[in-house]
Amino acid sequence: MITFLLSVDGSKHALVATRKLIAHASWLKHPLSVELVTVQGYVPVVKGMSRAVIKQADVERHFRNEAEKALAPSKRLLQKARIHYTAHILTGEVAPSLVKHAHDNNCQLIYMGTRGLTALSGLVLGSVAVRVLHLAKVPVVLVK
């Protein structure tokens, strides 16, 4: 079994990456398993903010709902293509979280969409994809 990590955020770019992964799955001799991952950032803690204003459970529910929305389109595509996947919602800084999950789950490849920035824009603005490329110990497929 070959395991790929597919990073999604609910964007059209993530759907393009999902479709490409599905198209490329037919190239493989071995069955494919996908670690379908979305990463939610940390909730900022504001000093002196009353806990009565925003309840922790409400914040967690909001982020879980947003994560499920991000995962849903890719889940549907993978199910339709009959590709086995396990969905995960991670919390933290996106690039290191993706790379750590790929390492911890023995993924042979990381698949992700890009926003389509030019090389210069990506360099100046920074991008998750560039950070993943630098941190990953496995091949990374960037889909534009």
N, C-alpha and C. Protein backbone atom coordinates (compact mmCIF):
# COMPACT_ATOMS: atom_id res chain seq x y z
N MET A 1 0.85 -1.18 0.00
CA MET A 1 0.00 0.00 0.00
C MET A 1 0.89 1.24 0.00
N ILE A 2 0.57 2.17 -0.88
CA ILE A 2 1.28 3.44 -0.96
C ILE A 2 0.41 4.49 -0.28
N THR A 3 1.03 5.33 0.54
CA THR A 3 0.28 6.37 1.26
C THR A 3 0.74 7.74 0.83
N PHE A 4 -0.21 8.55 0.40
CA PHE A 4 0.04 9.93 0.05
C PHE A 4 -0.65 10.83 1.06
N LEU A 5 -0.06 11.98 1.34
CA LEU A 5 -0.74 13.00 2.14
C LEU A 5 -1.30 14.01 1.15
N LEU A 6 -2.60 14.28 1.27
CA LEU A 6 -3.25 15.29 0.43
C LEU A 6 -3.69 16.42 1.35
N SER A 7 -3.10 17.59 1.16
CA SER A 7 -3.43 18.76 1.97
C SER A 7 -4.53 19.55 1.27
N VAL A 8 -5.62 19.83 2.01
CA VAL A 8 -6.72 20.60 1.44
C VAL A 8 -7.14 21.71 2.39
N ASP A 9 -7.68 22.77 1.79
CA ASP A 9 -8.16 23.89 2.59
C ASP A 9 -9.54 24.36 2.14
N GLY A 10 -10.18 23.58 1.26
CA GLY A 10 -11.50 23.94 0.77
C GLY A 10 -11.49 24.85 -0.45
N SER A 11 -10.31 25.26 -0.89
CA SER A 11 -10.21 26.17 -2.03
C SER A 11 -10.34 25.41 -3.35
N LYS A 12 -10.51 26.18 -4.42
CA LYS A 12 -10.56 25.56 -5.75
C LYS A 12 -9.21 24.91 -6.07
N HIS A 13 -8.13 25.46 -5.54
CA HIS A 13 -6.79 24.89 -5.78
C HIS A 13 -6.66 23.52 -5.12
N ALA A 14 -7.28 23.35 -3.97
CA ALA A 14 -7.26 22.05 -3.29
C ALA A 14 -8.05 21.02 -4.09
N LEU A 15 -9.14 21.45 -4.70
CA LEU A 15 -9.93 20.52 -5.53
C LEU A 15 -9.17 20.12 -6.78
N VAL A 16 -8.44 21.05 -7.36
CA VAL A 16 -7.61 20.72 -8.53
C VAL A 16 -6.57 19.67 -8.12
N ALA A 17 -5.94 19.85 -6.95
CA ALA A 17 -4.95 18.88 -6.46
C ALA A 17 -5.60 17.52 -6.22
N THR A 18 -6.81 17.52 -5.67
CA THR A 18 -7.51 16.25 -5.43
C THR A 18 -7.79 15.54 -6.75
N ARG A 19 -8.27 16.28 -7.72
CA ARG A 19 -8.56 15.68 -9.04
C ARG A 19 -7.29 15.12 -9.70
N LYS A 20 -6.19 15.86 -9.58
CA LYS A 20 -4.92 15.38 -10.15
C LYS A 20 -4.45 14.12 -9.45
N LEU A 21 -4.56 14.09 -8.13
CA LEU A 21 -4.16 12.90 -7.39
C LEU A 21 -4.98 11.69 -7.86
N ILE A 22 -6.27 11.89 -8.03
CA ILE A 22 -7.14 10.81 -8.50
C ILE A 22 -6.72 10.36 -9.90
N ALA A 23 -6.43 11.30 -10.77
CA ALA A 23 -5.99 10.96 -12.13
C ALA A 23 -4.67 10.19 -12.10
N HIS A 24 -3.76 10.60 -11.24
CA HIS A 24 -2.45 9.95 -11.16
C HIS A 24 -2.50 8.60 -10.43
N ALA A 25 -3.55 8.36 -9.67
CA ALA A 25 -3.67 7.10 -8.93
C ALA A 25 -3.68 5.90 -9.88
N SER A 26 -4.20 6.09 -11.07
CA SER A 26 -4.26 4.98 -12.03
C SER A 26 -2.87 4.58 -12.53
N TRP A 27 -1.88 5.41 -12.30
CA TRP A 27 -0.51 5.11 -12.71
C TRP A 27 0.16 4.13 -11.78
N LEU A 28 -0.40 3.97 -10.60
CA LEU A 28 0.26 3.17 -9.56
C LEU A 28 -0.03 1.69 -9.71
N LYS A 29 0.97 0.87 -9.41
CA LYS A 29 0.80 -0.58 -9.44
C LYS A 29 0.18 -1.09 -8.14
N HIS A 30 0.40 -0.34 -7.05
CA HIS A 30 -0.08 -0.75 -5.74
C HIS A 30 -1.28 0.09 -5.32
N PRO A 31 -2.12 -0.45 -4.43
CA PRO A 31 -3.26 0.33 -3.94
C PRO A 31 -2.79 1.61 -3.25
N LEU A 32 -3.62 2.63 -3.34
CA LEU A 32 -3.30 3.93 -2.77
C LEU A 32 -4.17 4.20 -1.55
N SER A 33 -3.55 4.72 -0.53
CA SER A 33 -4.26 5.21 0.65
C SER A 33 -3.90 6.68 0.80
N VAL A 34 -4.88 7.49 1.15
CA VAL A 34 -4.65 8.93 1.25
C VAL A 34 -4.89 9.40 2.68
N GLU A 35 -3.93 10.14 3.18
CA GLU A 35 -4.09 10.87 4.44
C GLU A 35 -4.61 12.25 4.02
N LEU A 36 -5.92 12.45 4.14
CA LEU A 36 -6.56 13.71 3.74
C LEU A 36 -6.50 14.66 4.94
N VAL A 37 -5.78 15.76 4.78
CA VAL A 37 -5.46 16.61 5.92
C VAL A 37 -5.83 18.06 5.66
N THR A 38 -6.42 18.69 6.67
CA THR A 38 -6.58 20.13 6.69
C THR A 38 -6.02 20.62 8.01
N VAL A 39 -5.46 21.82 7.98
CA VAL A 39 -4.82 22.36 9.19
C VAL A 39 -5.51 23.66 9.58
N GLN A 40 -5.93 23.72 10.83
CA GLN A 40 -6.52 24.93 11.39
C GLN A 40 -5.47 25.63 12.24
N GLY A 41 -5.38 26.94 12.12
CA GLY A 41 -4.42 27.70 12.91
C GLY A 41 -4.83 27.74 14.38
N TYR A 42 -3.92 28.19 15.19
CA TYR A 42 -4.21 28.36 16.61
C TYR A 42 -5.17 29.52 16.82
N VAL A 43 -5.98 29.43 17.86
CA VAL A 43 -6.86 30.53 18.23
C VAL A 43 -6.06 31.48 19.09
N PRO A 44 -5.97 32.75 18.70
CA PRO A 44 -5.18 33.68 19.50
C PRO A 44 -5.82 33.91 20.86
N VAL A 45 -4.99 34.04 21.86
CA VAL A 45 -5.47 34.34 23.20
C VAL A 45 -5.17 35.81 23.46
N VAL A 46 -6.21 36.56 23.76
CA VAL A 46 -6.06 37.98 24.01
C VAL A 46 -6.06 38.21 25.52
N LYS A 47 -4.97 38.77 26.01
CA LYS A 47 -4.82 39.00 27.44
C LYS A 47 -5.95 39.89 27.94
N GLY A 48 -6.56 39.46 29.04
CA GLY A 48 -7.62 40.24 29.66
C GLY A 48 -8.99 40.02 29.05
N MET A 49 -9.08 39.22 27.99
CA MET A 49 -10.37 38.97 27.36
C MET A 49 -11.19 38.06 28.26
N SER A 50 -12.40 38.43 28.49
CA SER A 50 -13.27 37.66 29.36
C SER A 50 -13.65 36.34 28.69
N ARG A 51 -13.59 35.27 29.46
CA ARG A 51 -14.01 33.96 28.94
C ARG A 51 -15.50 33.93 28.67
N ALA A 52 -16.23 34.86 29.28
CA ALA A 52 -17.68 34.91 29.08
C ALA A 52 -18.03 35.40 27.67
N VAL A 53 -17.11 36.13 27.03
CA VAL A 53 -17.38 36.66 25.70
C VAL A 53 -17.41 35.53 24.67
N ILE A 54 -16.39 34.71 24.66
CA ILE A 54 -16.31 33.59 23.72
C ILE A 54 -15.97 32.33 24.51
N LYS A 55 -16.84 31.36 24.42
CA LYS A 55 -16.60 30.10 25.13
C LYS A 55 -15.69 29.21 24.30
N GLN A 56 -14.79 28.52 24.97
CA GLN A 56 -13.85 27.62 24.30
C GLN A 56 -14.58 26.60 23.43
N ALA A 57 -15.68 26.07 23.94
CA ALA A 57 -16.44 25.06 23.18
C ALA A 57 -16.98 25.65 21.88
N ASP A 58 -17.38 26.93 21.92
CA ASP A 58 -17.89 27.58 20.71
C ASP A 58 -16.78 27.78 19.68
N VAL A 59 -15.60 28.15 20.16
CA VAL A 59 -14.45 28.33 19.28
C VAL A 59 -14.08 27.01 18.63
N GLU A 60 -14.01 25.96 19.44
CA GLU A 60 -13.65 24.63 18.91
C GLU A 60 -14.68 24.15 17.90
N ARG A 61 -15.97 24.38 18.19
CA ARG A 61 -17.03 23.97 17.26
C ARG A 61 -16.89 24.72 15.93
N HIS A 62 -16.60 26.03 16.01
CA HIS A 62 -16.44 26.83 14.80
C HIS A 62 -15.30 26.28 13.94
N PHE A 63 -14.13 26.03 14.55
CA PHE A 63 -12.99 25.53 13.79
C PHE A 63 -13.23 24.13 13.25
N ARG A 64 -13.94 23.28 14.00
CA ARG A 64 -14.26 21.95 13.51
C ARG A 64 -15.19 22.05 12.30
N ASN A 65 -16.18 22.93 12.37
CA ASN A 65 -17.10 23.11 11.24
C ASN A 65 -16.36 23.62 10.00
N GLU A 66 -15.46 24.57 10.20
CA GLU A 66 -14.68 25.10 9.07
C GLU A 66 -13.79 24.01 8.47
N ALA A 67 -13.20 23.20 9.32
CA ALA A 67 -12.34 22.12 8.85
C ALA A 67 -13.16 21.09 8.06
N GLU A 68 -14.33 20.74 8.58
CA GLU A 68 -15.18 19.77 7.88
C GLU A 68 -15.61 20.31 6.51
N LYS A 69 -15.89 21.61 6.44
CA LYS A 69 -16.23 22.24 5.15
C LYS A 69 -15.05 22.14 4.18
N ALA A 70 -13.84 22.32 4.69
CA ALA A 70 -12.64 22.24 3.84
C ALA A 70 -12.42 20.82 3.32
N LEU A 71 -12.72 19.82 4.15
CA LEU A 71 -12.49 18.43 3.78
C LEU A 71 -13.58 17.87 2.86
N ALA A 72 -14.81 18.33 3.01
CA ALA A 72 -15.97 17.72 2.34
C ALA A 72 -15.84 17.55 0.82
N PRO A 73 -15.45 18.57 0.06
CA PRO A 73 -15.38 18.38 -1.40
C PRO A 73 -14.37 17.30 -1.81
N SER A 74 -13.23 17.27 -1.16
CA SER A 74 -12.22 16.26 -1.50
C SER A 74 -12.67 14.87 -1.05
N LYS A 75 -13.35 14.79 0.08
CA LYS A 75 -13.90 13.50 0.53
C LYS A 75 -14.84 12.92 -0.54
N ARG A 76 -15.73 13.79 -1.05
CA ARG A 76 -16.68 13.33 -2.08
C ARG A 76 -15.96 12.81 -3.31
N LEU A 77 -14.94 13.54 -3.77
CA LEU A 77 -14.21 13.12 -4.96
C LEU A 77 -13.47 11.80 -4.72
N LEU A 78 -12.83 11.66 -3.57
CA LEU A 78 -12.09 10.43 -3.28
C LEU A 78 -13.05 9.24 -3.14
N GLN A 79 -14.20 9.46 -2.51
CA GLN A 79 -15.19 8.39 -2.38
C GLN A 79 -15.69 7.95 -3.75
N LYS A 80 -15.99 8.91 -4.60
CA LYS A 80 -16.47 8.60 -5.94
C LYS A 80 -15.43 7.81 -6.73
N ALA A 81 -14.15 8.14 -6.53
CA ALA A 81 -13.05 7.44 -7.22
C ALA A 81 -12.68 6.13 -6.53
N ARG A 82 -13.34 5.84 -5.42
CA ARG A 82 -13.08 4.62 -4.63
C ARG A 82 -11.62 4.52 -4.17
N ILE A 83 -11.11 5.67 -3.72
CA ILE A 83 -9.76 5.71 -3.16
C ILE A 83 -9.90 5.79 -1.64
N HIS A 84 -9.24 4.86 -0.96
CA HIS A 84 -9.30 4.82 0.50
C HIS A 84 -8.60 6.05 1.07
N TYR A 85 -9.26 6.69 2.04
CA TYR A 85 -8.66 7.85 2.68
C TYR A 85 -9.02 7.86 4.17
N THR A 86 -8.21 8.55 4.92
CA THR A 86 -8.50 8.84 6.31
C THR A 86 -8.38 10.34 6.47
N ALA A 87 -9.45 10.98 6.95
CA ALA A 87 -9.46 12.43 7.09
C ALA A 87 -8.93 12.83 8.47
N HIS A 88 -8.16 13.91 8.48
CA HIS A 88 -7.57 14.42 9.72
C HIS A 88 -7.70 15.94 9.77
N ILE A 89 -7.98 16.43 10.96
CA ILE A 89 -7.98 17.87 11.21
C ILE A 89 -6.84 18.14 12.17
N LEU A 90 -5.86 18.90 11.70
CA LEU A 90 -4.71 19.23 12.53
C LEU A 90 -4.82 20.68 12.99
N THR A 91 -4.13 20.99 14.07
CA THR A 91 -4.09 22.35 14.58
C THR A 91 -2.64 22.77 14.69
N GLY A 92 -2.35 23.98 14.25
CA GLY A 92 -1.00 24.49 14.37
C GLY A 92 -0.58 25.26 13.14
N GLU A 93 0.72 25.45 13.04
CA GLU A 93 1.29 26.11 11.87
C GLU A 93 1.21 25.12 10.70
N VAL A 94 0.74 25.57 9.58
CA VAL A 94 0.36 24.66 8.49
C VAL A 94 1.52 23.81 7.98
N ALA A 95 2.57 24.41 7.48
CA ALA A 95 3.64 23.63 6.85
C ALA A 95 4.28 22.61 7.80
N PRO A 96 4.72 23.00 8.99
CA PRO A 96 5.31 22.00 9.89
C PRO A 96 4.31 20.91 10.30
N SER A 97 3.04 21.28 10.45
CA SER A 97 2.03 20.28 10.81
C SER A 97 1.86 19.24 9.71
N LEU A 98 1.82 19.71 8.45
CA LEU A 98 1.69 18.78 7.32
C LEU A 98 2.89 17.84 7.23
N VAL A 99 4.08 18.40 7.33
CA VAL A 99 5.30 17.60 7.20
C VAL A 99 5.40 16.59 8.34
N LYS A 100 5.07 17.01 9.55
CA LYS A 100 5.11 16.09 10.70
C LYS A 100 4.11 14.95 10.51
N HIS A 101 2.90 15.28 10.05
CA HIS A 101 1.88 14.25 9.83
C HIS A 101 2.35 13.27 8.75
N ALA A 102 2.93 13.79 7.69
CA ALA A 102 3.43 12.92 6.62
C ALA A 102 4.50 11.97 7.17
N HIS A 103 5.40 12.49 7.97
CA HIS A 103 6.47 11.67 8.56
C HIS A 103 5.89 10.63 9.51
N ASP A 104 5.01 11.06 10.42
CA ASP A 104 4.45 10.17 11.43
C ASP A 104 3.60 9.05 10.84
N ASN A 105 3.05 9.28 9.64
CA ASN A 105 2.17 8.30 9.01
C ASN A 105 2.81 7.62 7.80
N ASN A 106 4.13 7.73 7.69
CA ASN A 106 4.89 7.06 6.64
C ASN A 106 4.37 7.34 5.23
N CYS A 107 4.03 8.59 4.99
CA CYS A 107 3.56 8.97 3.65
C CYS A 107 4.76 9.02 2.71
N GLN A 108 4.56 8.50 1.51
CA GLN A 108 5.63 8.49 0.52
C GLN A 108 5.67 9.76 -0.32
N LEU A 109 4.59 10.56 -0.24
CA LEU A 109 4.50 11.74 -1.09
C LEU A 109 3.50 12.71 -0.48
N ILE A 110 3.76 13.99 -0.63
CA ILE A 110 2.83 15.04 -0.19
C ILE A 110 2.28 15.71 -1.45
N TYR A 111 0.96 15.81 -1.52
CA TYR A 111 0.26 16.39 -2.66
C TYR A 111 -0.48 17.62 -2.19
N MET A 112 -0.29 18.75 -2.86
CA MET A 112 -1.01 19.95 -2.45
C MET A 112 -1.18 20.93 -3.61
N GLY A 113 -2.24 21.70 -3.55
CA GLY A 113 -2.48 22.74 -4.54
C GLY A 113 -1.72 23.99 -4.16
N THR A 114 -1.52 24.85 -5.15
CA THR A 114 -0.90 26.15 -4.90
C THR A 114 -1.86 27.22 -5.35
N ARG A 115 -1.66 28.40 -4.83
CA ARG A 115 -2.53 29.52 -5.20
C ARG A 115 -2.16 30.10 -6.54
N GLY A 116 -1.06 29.66 -7.11
CA GLY A 116 -0.67 30.15 -8.42
C GLY A 116 0.16 31.41 -8.38
N LEU A 117 0.82 31.67 -7.26
CA LEU A 117 1.70 32.84 -7.21
C LEU A 117 2.90 32.63 -8.13
N THR A 118 3.43 33.72 -8.62
CA THR A 118 4.67 33.62 -9.39
C THR A 118 5.78 33.24 -8.41
N ALA A 119 6.90 32.80 -8.93
CA ALA A 119 8.01 32.42 -8.07
C ALA A 119 8.44 33.60 -7.19
N LEU A 120 8.49 34.79 -7.76
CA LEU A 120 8.90 35.96 -7.00
C LEU A 120 7.88 36.30 -5.92
N SER A 121 6.59 36.27 -6.26
CA SER A 121 5.56 36.56 -5.27
C SER A 121 5.61 35.56 -4.13
N GLY A 122 5.77 34.29 -4.46
CA GLY A 122 5.86 33.26 -3.44
C GLY A 122 7.05 33.45 -2.53
N LEU A 123 8.15 33.89 -3.13
CA LEU A 123 9.37 34.12 -2.36
C LEU A 123 9.22 35.31 -1.42
N VAL A 124 8.65 36.39 -1.95
CA VAL A 124 8.50 37.61 -1.16
C VAL A 124 7.42 37.43 -0.09
N LEU A 125 6.27 36.91 -0.49
CA LEU A 125 5.16 36.76 0.43
C LEU A 125 5.30 35.54 1.32
N GLY A 126 6.06 34.57 0.84
CA GLY A 126 6.14 33.31 1.56
C GLY A 126 4.92 32.49 1.20
N SER A 127 5.03 31.20 1.26
CA SER A 127 3.86 30.38 0.98
C SER A 127 4.01 29.07 1.73
N VAL A 128 2.87 28.49 1.99
CA VAL A 128 2.86 27.19 2.66
C VAL A 128 3.59 26.17 1.80
N ALA A 129 3.33 26.21 0.50
CA ALA A 129 3.94 25.23 -0.40
C ALA A 129 5.47 25.31 -0.36
N VAL A 130 6.01 26.52 -0.38
CA VAL A 130 7.46 26.68 -0.33
C VAL A 130 8.01 26.15 0.99
N ARG A 131 7.33 26.43 2.08
CA ARG A 131 7.78 25.94 3.39
C ARG A 131 7.74 24.42 3.44
N VAL A 132 6.68 23.82 2.88
CA VAL A 132 6.59 22.35 2.86
C VAL A 132 7.74 21.79 2.04
N LEU A 133 8.03 22.39 0.89
CA LEU A 133 9.15 21.93 0.06
C LEU A 133 10.46 21.91 0.85
N HIS A 134 10.68 22.94 1.64
CA HIS A 134 11.93 23.04 2.40
C HIS A 134 11.98 22.09 3.59
N LEU A 135 10.83 21.81 4.20
CA LEU A 135 10.80 20.99 5.41
C LEU A 135 10.67 19.48 5.14
N ALA A 136 10.02 19.13 4.04
CA ALA A 136 9.69 17.72 3.79
C ALA A 136 10.91 16.88 3.44
N LYS A 137 10.87 15.65 3.90
CA LYS A 137 11.91 14.67 3.59
C LYS A 137 11.44 13.70 2.49
N VAL A 138 10.17 13.88 2.05
CA VAL A 138 9.61 13.05 0.98
C VAL A 138 9.28 13.97 -0.19
N PRO A 139 9.10 13.40 -1.38
CA PRO A 139 8.75 14.24 -2.53
C PRO A 139 7.43 15.00 -2.30
N VAL A 140 7.35 16.19 -2.87
CA VAL A 140 6.16 17.03 -2.78
C VAL A 140 5.69 17.34 -4.19
N VAL A 141 4.41 17.09 -4.46
CA VAL A 141 3.82 17.43 -5.75
C VAL A 141 2.98 18.68 -5.53
N LEU A 142 3.33 19.75 -6.24
CA LEU A 142 2.58 20.99 -6.18
C LEU A 142 1.73 21.10 -7.44
N VAL A 143 0.44 21.24 -7.27
CA VAL A 143 -0.48 21.30 -8.40
C VAL A 143 -0.98 22.73 -8.53
N LYS A 144 -0.77 23.27 -9.73
CA LYS A 144 -1.19 24.67 -9.98
C LYS A 144 -2.51 24.67 -10.71
